[in-house]
């Protein structure tokens, strides 16, 4: 493995991850239209306008995995990577109707974990446990720099529901994803499961780095590169309901 190639390969990924966060459409929103409610304000108004059962996300029982893949003729010289969050924060609410449900989730940027052994094992044979601790820490330090995620200025990634489509068997969440000072709209199919005193929300979707204005890393005229498509998988357990 070429460790000196490992660190830059994730640079593009963490500008589009989320980390909270079936197909996904991602389109730059830049400046919101004048008649459009801000996503967070819209979500809060939904929660406040109707009786809602509220849940808090349990960080210890929730996971977020961002999968980035190597590509190119020399892909064997690189690694696939898992970037994960082990401290998701936020809340989920349920109303009388599906469209009255929603969520707001934050991902602490400076606590993102690169290539956690358990996370790699959970994602299967494409993610063998062969990444050194020095390589992991070096990659994380690079990704938190001012030119990338800039964790010092932007310590959180936030995803907030805007509306929910479909039905209870196959709900689709339209959400606003904010990374650094940019917001994108994403479409996220989810599965909802009521548990004893809580709610489990799971889903998986894909985004393209290029949809966020990011050019994936390419070395030696594409001989070794980061695949544009990033896979995101999550499982949230929200508990502690009240009215």
C-alpha atoms as a PDB file:
ATOM      1  CA  UNK A   1       0.000   0.000   0.000  1.00  0.00           C
ATOM      2  CA  UNK A   2       1.157   3.528  -0.676  1.00  0.00           C
ATOM      3  CA  UNK A   3       0.581   5.365   2.593  1.00  0.00           C
ATOM      4  CA  UNK A   4       1.684   8.677   1.107  1.00  0.00           C
ATOM      5  CA  UNK A   5      -1.257   8.380  -1.294  1.00  0.00           C
ATOM      6  CA  UNK A   6      -3.787   7.480   1.390  1.00  0.00           C
ATOM      7  CA  UNK A   7      -4.128  10.889   3.006  1.00  0.00           C
ATOM      8  CA  UNK A   8      -5.050  13.040   0.041  1.00  0.00           C
ATOM      9  CA  UNK A   9      -7.526  10.497  -1.314  1.00  0.00           C
ATOM     10  CA  UNK A  10     -10.167  11.399   1.250  1.00  0.00           C
ATOM     11  CA  UNK A  11      -9.862  15.181   0.886  1.00  0.00           C
ATOM     12  CA  UNK A  12     -12.730  15.488  -1.580  1.00  0.00           C
ATOM     13  CA  UNK A  13     -14.933  13.068   0.370  1.00  0.00           C
ATOM     14  CA  UNK A  14     -15.235  15.035   3.580  1.00  0.00           C
ATOM     15  CA  UNK A  15     -16.347  18.175   1.788  1.00  0.00           C
ATOM     16  CA  UNK A  16     -19.529  16.360   0.810  1.00  0.00           C
ATOM     17  CA  UNK A  17     -20.101  13.880   3.566  1.00  0.00           C
ATOM     18  CA  UNK A  18     -22.642  13.435   5.992  1.00  0.00           C
ATOM     19  CA  UNK A  19     -21.910  12.445   7.535  1.00  0.00           C
ATOM     20  CA  UNK A  20     -26.170  12.563   9.271  1.00  0.00           C
ATOM     21  CA  UNK A  21     -26.946  12.420   6.128  1.00  0.00           C
ATOM     22  CA  UNK A  22     -31.598   4.158  -3.354  1.00  0.00           C
ATOM     23  CA  UNK A  23     -30.770   7.334  -5.231  1.00  0.00           C
ATOM     24  CA  UNK A  24     -30.026  10.765  -3.955  1.00  0.00           C
ATOM     25  CA  UNK A  25     -30.309  14.040  -5.784  1.00  0.00           C
ATOM     26  CA  UNK A  26     -28.013  16.829  -4.632  1.00  0.00           C
ATOM     27  CA  UNK A  27     -28.330  20.288  -6.121  1.00  0.00           C
ATOM     28  CA  UNK A  28     -26.604  23.495  -4.988  1.00  0.00           C
ATOM     29  CA  UNK A  29     -29.011  25.857  -3.316  1.00  0.00           C
ATOM     30  CA  UNK A  30     -26.584  28.758  -2.787  1.00  0.00           C
ATOM     31  CA  UNK A  31     -28.999  31.564  -1.934  1.00  0.00           C
ATOM     32  CA  UNK A  32     -32.483  30.292  -1.141  1.00  0.00           C
ATOM     33  CA  UNK A  33     -35.384  31.773  -3.132  1.00  0.00           C
ATOM     34  CA  UNK A  34     -36.998  34.721  -1.375  1.00  0.00           C
ATOM     35  CA  UNK A  35     -40.281  32.854  -0.891  1.00  0.00           C
ATOM     36  CA  UNK A  36     -38.689  29.686   0.466  1.00  0.00           C
ATOM     37  CA  UNK A  37     -38.632  29.120   4.221  1.00  0.00           C
ATOM     38  CA  UNK A  38     -35.189  28.257   5.607  1.00  0.00           C
ATOM     39  CA  UNK A  39     -35.045  24.443   6.064  1.00  0.00           C
ATOM     40  CA  UNK A  40     -34.466  24.533   9.819  1.00  0.00           C
ATOM     41  CA  UNK A  41     -37.190  27.113  10.397  1.00  0.00           C
ATOM     42  CA  UNK A  42     -39.575  25.078   8.262  1.00  0.00           C
ATOM     43  CA  UNK A  43     -38.852  21.923  10.233  1.00  0.00           C
ATOM     44  CA  UNK A  44     -39.287  23.684  13.554  1.00  0.00           C
ATOM     45  CA  UNK A  45     -42.599  25.171  12.424  1.00  0.00           C
ATOM     46  CA  UNK A  46     -43.883  21.700  11.513  1.00  0.00           C
ATOM     47  CA  UNK A  47     -42.890  20.373  14.925  1.00  0.00           C
ATOM     48  CA  UNK A  48     -44.506  23.307  16.698  1.00  0.00           C
ATOM     49  CA  UNK A  49     -47.699  23.442  14.631  1.00  0.00           C
ATOM     50  CA  UNK A  50     -49.066  20.025  15.558  1.00  0.00           C
ATOM     51  CA  UNK A  51     -48.912  17.710  18.585  1.00  0.00           C
ATOM     52  CA  UNK A  52     -45.733  15.715  18.147  1.00  0.00           C
ATOM     53  CA  UNK A  53     -44.063  12.856  19.948  1.00  0.00           C
ATOM     54  CA  UNK A  54     -40.428  13.842  20.427  1.00  0.00           C
ATOM     55  CA  UNK A  55     -37.394  11.562  20.561  1.00  0.00           C
ATOM     56  CA  UNK A  56     -33.725  12.269  21.238  1.00  0.00           C
ATOM     57  CA  UNK A  57     -31.086  10.519  19.157  1.00  0.00           C
ATOM     58  CA  UNK A  58     -29.093   7.995  21.196  1.00  0.00           C
ATOM     59  CA  UNK A  59     -25.461   8.430  20.044  1.00  0.00           C
ATOM     60  CA  UNK A  60     -24.364   5.121  21.556  1.00  0.00           C
ATOM     61  CA  UNK A  61     -26.929   3.203  19.495  1.00  0.00           C
ATOM     62  CA  UNK A  62     -26.695   5.190  16.248  1.00  0.00           C
ATOM     63  CA  UNK A  63     -24.237   4.918  13.369  1.00  0.00           C
ATOM     64  CA  UNK A  64     -23.277   6.887  10.273  1.00  0.00           C
ATOM     65  CA  UNK A  65     -20.884   5.423   7.707  1.00  0.00           C
ATOM     66  CA  UNK A  66     -19.565   7.263   4.647  1.00  0.00           C
ATOM     67  CA  UNK A  67     -17.946   4.903   2.157  1.00  0.00           C
ATOM     68  CA  UNK A  68     -15.405   6.103  -0.381  1.00  0.00           C
ATOM     69  CA  UNK A  69     -13.968   3.828  -3.039  1.00  0.00           C
ATOM     70  CA  UNK A  70     -10.699   3.692  -4.929  1.00  0.00           C
ATOM     71  CA  UNK A  71     -10.704   3.561  -8.713  1.00  0.00           C
ATOM     72  CA  UNK A  72      -8.506   3.596 -11.793  1.00  0.00           C
ATOM     73  CA  UNK A  73      -6.110   1.039 -13.285  1.00  0.00           C
ATOM     74  CA  UNK A  74      -3.854   1.267 -10.204  1.00  0.00           C
ATOM     75  CA  UNK A  75      -6.698   1.038  -7.673  1.00  0.00           C
ATOM     76  CA  UNK A  76      -5.016  -1.932  -6.004  1.00  0.00           C
ATOM     77  CA  UNK A  77      -2.375   0.457  -4.643  1.00  0.00           C
ATOM     78  CA  UNK A  78      -4.926   2.404  -2.608  1.00  0.00           C
ATOM     79  CA  UNK A  79      -7.609   1.694  -0.031  1.00  0.00           C
ATOM     80  CA  UNK A  80     -11.351   1.992   0.220  1.00  0.00           C
ATOM     81  CA  UNK A  81     -12.241   4.046   3.302  1.00  0.00           C
ATOM     82  CA  UNK A  82     -14.960   4.330   5.938  1.00  0.00           C
ATOM     83  CA  UNK A  83     -15.518   7.677   7.651  1.00  0.00           C
ATOM     84  CA  UNK A  84     -17.878   7.344  10.593  1.00  0.00           C
ATOM     85  CA  UNK A  85     -19.530   9.328  13.346  1.00  0.00           C
ATOM     86  CA  UNK A  86     -19.949   7.837  16.799  1.00  0.00           C
ATOM     87  CA  UNK A  87     -21.557  10.899  18.373  1.00  0.00           C
ATOM     88  CA  UNK A  88     -24.607  11.874  16.321  1.00  0.00           C
ATOM     89  CA  UNK A  89     -26.827  14.464  18.012  1.00  0.00           C
ATOM     90  CA  UNK A  90     -30.383  15.557  17.350  1.00  0.00           C
ATOM     91  CA  UNK A  91     -34.069  14.785  17.613  1.00  0.00           C
ATOM     92  CA  UNK A  92     -36.836  13.047  15.686  1.00  0.00           C
ATOM     93  CA  UNK A  93     -40.547  13.800  15.960  1.00  0.00           C
ATOM     94  CA  UNK A  94     -43.757  12.028  14.950  1.00  0.00           C
ATOM     95  CA  UNK A  95     -47.081  13.719  14.295  1.00  0.00           C
ATOM     96  CA  UNK A  96     -50.578  12.458  13.612  1.00  0.00           C
ATOM     97  CA  UNK A  97     -49.730  12.096   9.913  1.00  0.00           C
ATOM     98  CA  UNK A  98     -46.549  11.057   8.146  1.00  0.00           C
ATOM     99  CA  UNK A  99     -46.028  14.548   6.739  1.00  0.00           C
ATOM    100  CA  UNK A 100     -45.951  15.906  10.313  1.00  0.00           C
ATOM    101  CA  UNK A 101     -42.839  13.856  11.133  1.00  0.00           C
ATOM    102  CA  UNK A 102     -39.311  15.164  10.827  1.00  0.00           C
ATOM    103  CA  UNK A 103     -35.827  15.330  12.264  1.00  0.00           C
ATOM    104  CA  UNK A 104     -32.775  17.505  12.768  1.00  0.00           C
ATOM    105  CA  UNK A 105     -29.391  15.846  13.149  1.00  0.00           C
ATOM    106  CA  UNK A 106     -25.927  17.273  13.722  1.00  0.00           C
ATOM    107  CA  UNK A 107     -22.610  15.541  13.118  1.00  0.00           C
ATOM    108  CA  UNK A 108     -19.627  16.850  15.132  1.00  0.00           C
ATOM    109  CA  UNK A 109     -16.973  17.403  12.450  1.00  0.00           C
ATOM    110  CA  UNK A 110     -13.952  17.234  14.730  1.00  0.00           C
ATOM    111  CA  UNK A 111     -15.114  13.893  16.115  1.00  0.00           C
ATOM    112  CA  UNK A 112     -15.352  12.126  12.752  1.00  0.00           C
ATOM    113  CA  UNK A 113     -13.427   8.847  12.769  1.00  0.00           C
ATOM    114  CA  UNK A 114     -11.377   7.615   9.821  1.00  0.00           C
ATOM    115  CA  UNK A 115     -11.219   3.858   9.206  1.00  0.00           C
ATOM    116  CA  UNK A 116     -12.375   2.639  12.608  1.00  0.00           C
ATOM    117  CA  UNK A 117     -11.642  -1.091  12.721  1.00  0.00           C
ATOM    118  CA  UNK A 118     -15.181  -2.035  13.764  1.00  0.00           C
ATOM    119  CA  UNK A 119     -16.707   0.183  11.079  1.00  0.00           C
ATOM    120  CA  UNK A 120     -14.504  -1.375   8.403  1.00  0.00           C
ATOM    121  CA  UNK A 121     -15.372  -4.870   9.593  1.00  0.00           C
ATOM    122  CA  UNK A 122     -19.084  -4.035   9.486  1.00  0.00           C
ATOM    123  CA  UNK A 123     -18.800  -2.998   5.823  1.00  0.00           C
ATOM    124  CA  UNK A 124     -17.352  -6.317   4.692  1.00  0.00           C
ATOM    125  CA  UNK A 125     -14.532  -7.594   2.537  1.00  0.00           C
ATOM    126  CA  UNK A 126     -14.055  -4.359   0.583  1.00  0.00           C
ATOM    127  CA  UNK A 127     -12.712  -2.796   3.798  1.00  0.00           C
ATOM    128  CA  UNK A 128      -9.995  -5.038   5.293  1.00  0.00           C
ATOM    129  CA  UNK A 129      -8.394  -4.016   8.585  1.00  0.00           C
ATOM    130  CA  UNK A 130      -5.006  -3.068   7.135  1.00  0.00           C
ATOM    131  CA  UNK A 131      -4.838   0.686   7.797  1.00  0.00           C
ATOM    132  CA  UNK A 132      -2.163   1.839  10.238  1.00  0.00           C
ATOM    133  CA  UNK A 133      -3.026   4.139  13.132  1.00  0.00           C
ATOM    134  CA  UNK A 134      -0.541   6.729  11.895  1.00  0.00           C
ATOM    135  CA  UNK A 135      -2.230   6.776   8.486  1.00  0.00           C
ATOM    136  CA  UNK A 136      -5.664   7.182  10.081  1.00  0.00           C
ATOM    137  CA  UNK A 137      -4.597  10.093  12.259  1.00  0.00           C
ATOM    138  CA  UNK A 138      -2.710  11.785   9.449  1.00  0.00           C
ATOM    139  CA  UNK A 139      -5.694  11.553   7.135  1.00  0.00           C
ATOM    140  CA  UNK A 140      -8.006  13.023   9.762  1.00  0.00           C
ATOM    141  CA  UNK A 141      -5.653  15.918  10.487  1.00  0.00           C
ATOM    142  CA  UNK A 142      -5.498  16.766   6.798  1.00  0.00           C
ATOM    143  CA  UNK A 143      -9.265  16.654   6.399  1.00  0.00           C
ATOM    144  CA  UNK A 144      -9.874  19.083   9.246  1.00  0.00           C
ATOM    145  CA  UNK A 145      -7.622  21.741   7.729  1.00  0.00           C
ATOM    146  CA  UNK A 146      -8.956  25.180   6.777  1.00  0.00           C
ATOM    147  CA  UNK A 147      -8.988  24.331   3.065  1.00  0.00           C
ATOM    148  CA  UNK A 148     -11.125  21.231   3.608  1.00  0.00           C
ATOM    149  CA  UNK A 149     -13.729  20.703   6.336  1.00  0.00           C
ATOM    150  CA  UNK A 150     -12.269  23.542   8.421  1.00  0.00           C
ATOM    151  CA  UNK A 151     -13.366  22.018  11.705  1.00  0.00           C
ATOM    152  CA  UNK A 152     -12.258  25.076  13.667  1.00  0.00           C
ATOM    153  CA  UNK A 153     -14.744  27.378  11.884  1.00  0.00           C
ATOM    154  CA  UNK A 154     -17.447  24.853  11.013  1.00  0.00           C
ATOM    155  CA  UNK A 155     -17.617  22.318  13.862  1.00  0.00           C
ATOM    156  CA  UNK A 156     -20.933  20.781  12.779  1.00  0.00           C
ATOM    157  CA  UNK A 157     -22.542  19.216   9.743  1.00  0.00           C
ATOM    158  CA  UNK A 158     -26.317  19.505   9.903  1.00  0.00           C
ATOM    159  CA  UNK A 159     -29.125  17.690   8.125  1.00  0.00           C
ATOM    160  CA  UNK A 160     -32.715  18.826   8.624  1.00  0.00           C
ATOM    161  CA  UNK A 161     -35.879  17.385   7.128  1.00  0.00           C
ATOM    162  CA  UNK A 162     -37.892  19.692   4.883  1.00  0.00           C
ATOM    163  CA  UNK A 163     -40.774  17.384   3.987  1.00  0.00           C
ATOM    164  CA  UNK A 164     -41.651  13.694   3.799  1.00  0.00           C
ATOM    165  CA  UNK A 165     -43.143  11.995   0.762  1.00  0.00           C
ATOM    166  CA  UNK A 166     -44.560   8.540   0.134  1.00  0.00           C
ATOM    167  CA  UNK A 167     -46.277   6.461   2.793  1.00  0.00           C
ATOM    168  CA  UNK A 168     -45.381   4.753   6.058  1.00  0.00           C
ATOM    169  CA  UNK A 169     -44.186   1.644   4.213  1.00  0.00           C
ATOM    170  CA  UNK A 170     -41.790   3.552   1.963  1.00  0.00           C
ATOM    171  CA  UNK A 171     -41.200   7.104   3.212  1.00  0.00           C
ATOM    172  CA  UNK A 172     -38.831   9.412   1.354  1.00  0.00           C
ATOM    173  CA  UNK A 173     -37.333  12.388   3.172  1.00  0.00           C
ATOM    174  CA  UNK A 174     -36.444  15.606   1.385  1.00  0.00           C
ATOM    175  CA  UNK A 175     -33.781  17.186   3.576  1.00  0.00           C
ATOM    176  CA  UNK A 176     -31.346  20.100   3.670  1.00  0.00           C
ATOM    177  CA  UNK A 177     -27.725  19.098   4.182  1.00  0.00           C
ATOM    178  CA  UNK A 178     -25.327  21.803   5.376  1.00  0.00           C
ATOM    179  CA  UNK A 179     -21.552  21.367   5.215  1.00  0.00           C
ATOM    180  CA  UNK A 180     -19.285  24.321   6.003  1.00  0.00           C
ATOM    181  CA  UNK A 181     -21.213  27.331   4.640  1.00  0.00           C
ATOM    182  CA  UNK A 182     -23.026  25.502   1.838  1.00  0.00           C
ATOM    183  CA  UNK A 183     -26.431  23.820   1.796  1.00  0.00           C
ATOM    184  CA  UNK A 184     -27.688  21.141  -0.590  1.00  0.00           C
ATOM    185  CA  UNK A 185     -31.044  19.444  -0.897  1.00  0.00           C
ATOM    186  CA  UNK A 186     -30.945  15.648  -0.714  1.00  0.00           C
ATOM    187  CA  UNK A 187     -33.553  12.940  -1.217  1.00  0.00           C
ATOM    188  CA  UNK A 188     -33.292  10.102   1.302  1.00  0.00           C
ATOM    189  CA  UNK A 189     -35.420   6.924   1.332  1.00  0.00           C
ATOM    190  CA  UNK A 190     -35.772   5.613   4.902  1.00  0.00           C
ATOM    191  CA  UNK A 191     -37.223   2.751   6.890  1.00  0.00           C
ATOM    192  CA  UNK A 192     -39.025   3.451  10.170  1.00  0.00           C
ATOM    193  CA  UNK A 193     -39.396   0.909  12.959  1.00  0.00           C
ATOM    194  CA  UNK A 194     -41.071   1.526  16.307  1.00  0.00           C
ATOM    195  CA  UNK A 195     -39.136   0.031  19.205  1.00  0.00           C
ATOM    196  CA  UNK A 196     -39.844  -0.227  22.919  1.00  0.00           C
ATOM    197  CA  UNK A 197     -40.029   3.454  23.827  1.00  0.00           C
ATOM    198  CA  UNK A 198     -38.270   4.671  20.720  1.00  0.00           C
ATOM    199  CA  UNK A 199     -37.929   4.826  16.967  1.00  0.00           C
ATOM    200  CA  UNK A 200     -35.317   3.301  14.654  1.00  0.00           C
ATOM    201  CA  UNK A 201     -34.624   5.134  11.383  1.00  0.00           C
ATOM    202  CA  UNK A 202     -32.379   3.466   8.805  1.00  0.00           C
ATOM    203  CA  UNK A 203     -31.427   4.328   5.274  1.00  0.00           C
ATOM    204  CA  UNK A 204     -28.766   4.452   2.625  1.00  0.00           C
ATOM    205  CA  UNK A 205     -28.174   6.713  -0.341  1.00  0.00           C
ATOM    206  CA  UNK A 206     -25.484   8.040  -2.643  1.00  0.00           C
ATOM    207  CA  UNK A 207     -24.147  11.455  -3.522  1.00  0.00           C
ATOM    208  CA  UNK A 208     -21.620  12.591  -6.089  1.00  0.00           C
ATOM    209  CA  UNK A 209     -18.796  14.830  -5.029  1.00  0.00           C
ATOM    210  CA  UNK A 210     -19.070  16.693  -8.322  1.00  0.00           C
ATOM    211  CA  UNK A 211     -22.669  17.639  -7.469  1.00  0.00           C
ATOM    212  CA  UNK A 212     -21.187  19.670  -4.609  1.00  0.00           C
ATOM    213  CA  UNK A 213     -18.597  21.358  -6.791  1.00  0.00           C
ATOM    214  CA  UNK A 214     -15.829  19.014  -5.637  1.00  0.00           C
ATOM    215  CA  UNK A 215     -13.396  17.423  -8.090  1.00  0.00           C
ATOM    216  CA  UNK A 216     -12.441  13.948  -6.805  1.00  0.00           C
ATOM    217  CA  UNK A 217      -8.714  13.372  -6.460  1.00  0.00           C
ATOM    218  CA  UNK A 218      -7.019  11.860  -9.496  1.00  0.00           C
ATOM    219  CA  UNK A 219      -3.342  10.859  -9.607  1.00  0.00           C
ATOM    220  CA  UNK A 220      -1.211  10.114 -12.665  1.00  0.00           C
ATOM    221  CA  UNK A 221      -3.896  10.995 -15.216  1.00  0.00           C
ATOM    222  CA  UNK A 222      -6.507   8.841 -13.509  1.00  0.00           C
ATOM    223  CA  UNK A 223      -4.331   5.815 -12.826  1.00  0.00           C
ATOM    224  CA  UNK A 224      -5.334   6.095  -9.155  1.00  0.00           C
ATOM    225  CA  UNK A 225      -8.410   8.081  -8.222  1.00  0.00           C
ATOM    226  CA  UNK A 226     -11.282   8.551  -5.821  1.00  0.00           C
ATOM    227  CA  UNK A 227     -14.587   7.411  -7.303  1.00  0.00           C
ATOM    228  CA  UNK A 228     -16.985  10.356  -7.607  1.00  0.00           C
ATOM    229  CA  UNK A 229     -19.907   8.508  -6.025  1.00  0.00           C
ATOM    230  CA  UNK A 230     -19.899   8.318  -2.217  1.00  0.00           C
ATOM    231  CA  UNK A 231     -22.173   5.891  -0.375  1.00  0.00           C
ATOM    232  CA  UNK A 232     -23.793   6.941   2.897  1.00  0.00           C
ATOM    233  CA  UNK A 233     -25.410   4.507   5.334  1.00  0.00           C
ATOM    234  CA  UNK A 234     -27.067   5.357   8.635  1.00  0.00           C
ATOM    235  CA  UNK A 235     -29.029   3.828  11.464  1.00  0.00           C
ATOM    236  CA  UNK A 236     -30.491   6.147  14.110  1.00  0.00           C
ATOM    237  CA  UNK A 237     -32.101   5.104  17.369  1.00  0.00           C
ATOM    238  CA  UNK A 238     -34.172   7.881  18.929  1.00  0.00           C
ATOM    239  CA  UNK A 239     -35.562   7.348  22.435  1.00  0.00           C
ATOM    240  CA  UNK A 240     -37.085   9.171  25.395  1.00  0.00           C
ATOM    241  CA  UNK A 241     -40.423  10.203  23.886  1.00  0.00           C
ATOM    242  CA  UNK A 242     -42.612  12.868  25.422  1.00  0.00           C
ATOM    243  CA  UNK A 243     -45.470  15.134  24.348  1.00  0.00           C
END
